[in-house]
Amino acid sequence: MIQDRLNILKRFFKKNRRLPSYSEMLKLFGFSSKNAVFKLINKWVDANFLKKDSGKLAPTSKFFALPLLGNIKAGFPILAEENKNYLTLDEYLIGDPQSSFLLKVSGDSMTGVGIFEGDIVIVEKKKEAYIGDIVLAQIDNEWTLKIFKKDRVKKMVFLEAANPHYPPFYPKRELQIYGVVRAVVRKIN
């Protein structure tokens, strides 16, 4: 029941980009007293879904989190065990939020590593990368997302696509690394 009300609160926030007032919560939850709303809010504050900031309610990162129910095998079926932890996607995907940003992928040069057109990549700003990292780079004034490689024979670094239809990209003048891909997000349907 408390989770159902939290879901109502989340829908209200998504639609209105704010939390409802106490009076609005009376109607939303079908309560007849503001004391019932007050008690429910205190439960959410104690559970870290909401915080009181200078007397006003504000959502926490846990408010936006999704329940992590446990593990599931992708092999033979097993009995699933429910485990109610909460995890925000930014906690899971982003190591350093202050130096990270998102880019939407266009093109098919990275399909071999599971990055497809329309995917969102999370890039951590970095000027250096390890060989084998997927990088955001500028090669001869052109921006691209490729695998950072080193040619041991020519003793120079280059960029490689993860699609055999593309050649390796050796810089004619300059190759600069601007970031390393840390995660890929794909929305299905």
Protein backbone atom coordinates (compact mmCIF):
# COMPACT_ATOMS: atom_id res chain seq x y z
CA MET A 1 0.00 0.00 0.00
CA ILE A 2 2.82 2.44 0.86
CA GLN A 3 4.57 1.50 -2.42
CA ASP A 4 1.33 2.13 -4.34
CA ARG A 5 1.14 5.62 -2.83
CA LEU A 6 4.79 6.23 -3.62
CA ASN A 7 4.07 5.30 -7.24
CA ILE A 8 1.17 7.81 -7.26
CA LEU A 9 3.56 10.45 -5.91
CA LYS A 10 6.13 9.62 -8.61
CA ARG A 11 3.51 9.89 -11.35
CA PHE A 12 2.43 13.29 -9.98
CA PHE A 13 6.07 14.44 -9.94
CA LYS A 14 6.66 13.23 -13.49
CA LYS A 15 3.57 15.04 -14.77
CA ASN A 16 3.98 18.28 -12.78
CA ARG A 17 7.78 18.40 -12.22
CA ARG A 18 7.14 19.07 -8.52
CA LEU A 19 5.88 17.31 -5.41
CA PRO A 20 2.23 17.87 -4.45
CA SER A 21 1.19 20.07 -1.53
CA TYR A 22 -0.24 18.46 1.62
CA SER A 23 -3.73 19.44 0.41
CA GLU A 24 -3.10 17.82 -2.96
CA MET A 25 -1.83 14.67 -1.22
CA LEU A 26 -5.11 14.44 0.72
CA LYS A 27 -6.94 14.07 -2.60
CA LEU A 28 -4.26 11.92 -4.27
CA PHE A 29 -4.22 9.33 -1.49
CA GLY A 30 -7.88 9.58 -0.45
CA PHE A 31 -7.02 10.67 3.10
CA SER A 32 -9.35 12.73 5.27
CA SER A 33 -6.69 14.23 7.58
CA LYS A 34 -3.44 16.05 7.00
CA ASN A 35 -2.01 14.08 9.94
CA ALA A 36 -2.21 10.89 7.83
CA VAL A 37 -0.30 12.68 5.05
CA PHE A 38 2.24 13.93 7.60
CA LYS A 39 2.84 10.37 8.92
CA LEU A 40 3.22 8.97 5.41
CA ILE A 41 5.70 11.69 4.46
CA ASN A 42 7.74 10.98 7.60
CA LYS A 43 7.92 7.30 6.59
CA TRP A 44 9.23 8.34 3.17
CA VAL A 45 11.73 10.73 4.78
CA ASP A 46 12.91 7.94 7.13
CA ALA A 47 13.23 5.58 4.13
CA ASN A 48 15.23 8.30 2.27
CA PHE A 49 12.76 8.71 -0.61
CA LEU A 50 12.14 12.35 0.37
CA LYS A 51 14.07 14.97 2.32
CA LYS A 52 13.03 18.14 4.05
CA ASP A 53 15.02 21.06 2.70
CA SER A 54 14.36 24.30 4.61
CA GLY A 55 10.89 23.05 5.51
CA LYS A 56 10.05 22.08 1.91
CA LEU A 57 9.88 18.52 0.65
CA ALA A 58 12.31 17.44 -2.04
CA PRO A 59 12.90 14.10 -3.76
CA THR A 60 16.16 12.25 -3.09
CA SER A 61 18.08 10.15 -5.59
CA LYS A 62 16.37 7.08 -4.05
CA PHE A 63 13.00 8.62 -5.04
CA PHE A 64 14.05 8.21 -8.68
CA ALA A 65 15.66 4.80 -8.07
CA LEU A 66 14.21 1.58 -9.35
CA PRO A 67 13.91 -1.50 -7.15
CA LEU A 68 16.73 -4.00 -7.66
CA LEU A 69 14.91 -7.23 -6.98
CA GLY A 70 17.82 -9.64 -7.22
CA ASN A 71 19.67 -11.69 -9.79
CA ILE A 72 18.25 -13.67 -12.67
CA LYS A 73 20.00 -16.36 -14.66
CA ALA A 74 19.85 -16.10 -18.40
CA GLY A 75 20.33 -19.85 -18.71
CA PHE A 76 18.01 -22.51 -17.30
CA PRO A 77 15.02 -21.25 -15.29
CA ILE A 78 15.39 -21.05 -11.49
CA LEU A 79 13.16 -19.90 -8.67
CA ALA A 80 13.55 -16.12 -8.34
CA GLU A 81 14.25 -14.66 -4.91
CA GLU A 82 12.94 -11.17 -4.25
CA ASN A 83 15.41 -8.77 -2.72
CA LYS A 84 14.19 -5.17 -2.22
CA ASN A 85 17.21 -2.92 -2.66
CA TYR A 86 17.06 0.32 -4.60
CA LEU A 87 19.52 1.47 -7.20
CA THR A 88 19.62 4.58 -9.32
CA LEU A 89 20.95 4.14 -12.81
CA ASP A 90 23.38 7.01 -12.34
CA GLU A 91 24.84 5.30 -9.25
CA TYR A 92 25.32 2.12 -11.27
CA LEU A 93 26.49 3.61 -14.58
CA ILE A 94 28.33 6.80 -13.70
CA GLY A 95 31.51 6.70 -11.64
CA ASP A 96 32.22 10.44 -11.72
CA PRO A 97 29.07 12.47 -12.47
CA GLN A 98 30.89 15.82 -12.46
CA SER A 99 33.07 14.80 -15.39
CA SER A 100 30.53 12.73 -17.34
CA PHE A 101 28.06 13.50 -20.10
CA LEU A 102 25.75 11.72 -22.54
CA LEU A 103 25.92 11.41 -26.33
CA LYS A 104 23.40 9.85 -28.69
CA VAL A 105 25.04 7.49 -31.19
CA SER A 106 24.51 7.72 -34.93
CA GLY A 107 26.03 5.29 -37.37
CA ASP A 108 26.90 1.60 -37.31
CA SER A 109 30.67 1.52 -36.86
CA MET A 110 30.51 0.21 -33.26
CA THR A 111 27.97 -2.59 -33.60
CA GLY A 112 30.61 -5.25 -32.95
CA VAL A 113 30.91 -4.07 -29.33
CA GLY A 114 27.16 -3.69 -28.84
CA ILE A 115 26.81 0.04 -29.53
CA PHE A 116 24.03 0.71 -32.04
CA GLU A 117 22.46 3.73 -33.69
CA GLY A 118 20.17 5.51 -31.24
CA ASP A 119 21.97 4.22 -28.14
CA ILE A 120 23.08 6.69 -25.49
CA VAL A 121 26.69 6.44 -24.36
CA ILE A 122 27.93 7.77 -21.04
CA VAL A 123 31.32 9.38 -21.58
CA GLU A 124 33.77 10.30 -18.83
CA LYS A 125 35.88 13.32 -19.82
CA LYS A 126 39.52 12.22 -20.07
CA LYS A 127 42.48 13.29 -22.17
CA GLU A 128 44.14 9.88 -21.92
CA ALA A 129 42.93 6.37 -22.59
CA TYR A 130 44.20 2.83 -22.37
CA ILE A 131 44.65 0.72 -25.48
CA GLY A 132 41.34 -1.06 -26.08
CA ASP A 133 39.16 1.67 -24.52
CA ILE A 134 36.18 2.95 -26.49
CA VAL A 135 36.88 6.64 -26.82
CA LEU A 136 35.36 9.91 -27.92
CA ALA A 137 38.09 11.36 -30.09
CA GLN A 138 38.83 14.06 -32.59
CA ILE A 139 40.88 12.78 -35.49
CA ASP A 140 42.00 15.38 -38.02
CA ASN A 141 39.20 17.74 -36.86
CA GLU A 142 36.46 15.07 -37.13
CA TRP A 143 34.62 13.75 -34.06
CA THR A 144 34.07 10.02 -33.68
CA LEU A 145 33.49 7.14 -31.28
CA LYS A 146 35.96 4.29 -31.85
CA ILE A 147 38.31 1.83 -30.14
CA PHE A 148 41.71 3.28 -29.19
CA LYS A 149 44.46 1.05 -30.63
CA LYS A 150 48.21 1.02 -31.14
CA ASP A 151 49.95 -0.27 -34.24
CA ARG A 152 53.07 -2.03 -32.96
CA VAL A 153 54.70 -2.09 -36.39
CA LYS A 154 54.13 1.58 -37.25
CA LYS A 155 54.51 2.49 -33.57
CA MET A 156 51.55 4.86 -33.61
CA VAL A 157 48.08 5.05 -32.17
CA PHE A 158 44.95 4.86 -34.30
CA LEU A 159 41.20 4.36 -34.02
CA GLU A 160 39.45 1.17 -34.98
CA ALA A 161 35.77 0.60 -35.72
CA ALA A 162 33.95 -2.40 -34.31
CA ASN A 163 32.49 -3.19 -37.72
CA PRO A 164 34.54 -4.94 -40.45
CA HIS A 165 33.06 -2.62 -43.12
CA TYR A 166 35.18 0.27 -41.79
CA PRO A 167 38.96 0.65 -42.19
CA PRO A 168 41.29 1.62 -39.34
CA PHE A 169 41.56 5.40 -38.85
CA TYR A 170 45.16 6.62 -38.69
CA PRO A 171 45.61 10.33 -38.00
CA LYS A 172 47.13 12.36 -40.83
CA ARG A 173 47.75 15.34 -38.55
CA GLU A 174 46.26 14.89 -35.10
CA LEU A 175 44.40 12.52 -32.77
CA GLN A 176 43.01 13.85 -29.49
CA ILE A 177 41.14 11.88 -26.86
CA TYR A 178 38.29 13.72 -25.12
CA GLY A 179 36.67 10.94 -23.16
CA VAL A 180 36.21 7.25 -22.49
CA VAL A 181 32.87 5.45 -22.83
CA ARG A 182 31.80 4.03 -19.47
CA ALA A 183 28.34 2.68 -20.29
CA VAL A 184 25.77 2.23 -23.04
CA VAL A 185 22.04 2.74 -22.53
CA ARG A 186 19.53 1.29 -24.97
CA LYS A 187 15.80 1.71 -24.82
CA ILE A 188 13.99 -1.31 -26.21
CA ASN A 189 10.90 -0.37 -28.22
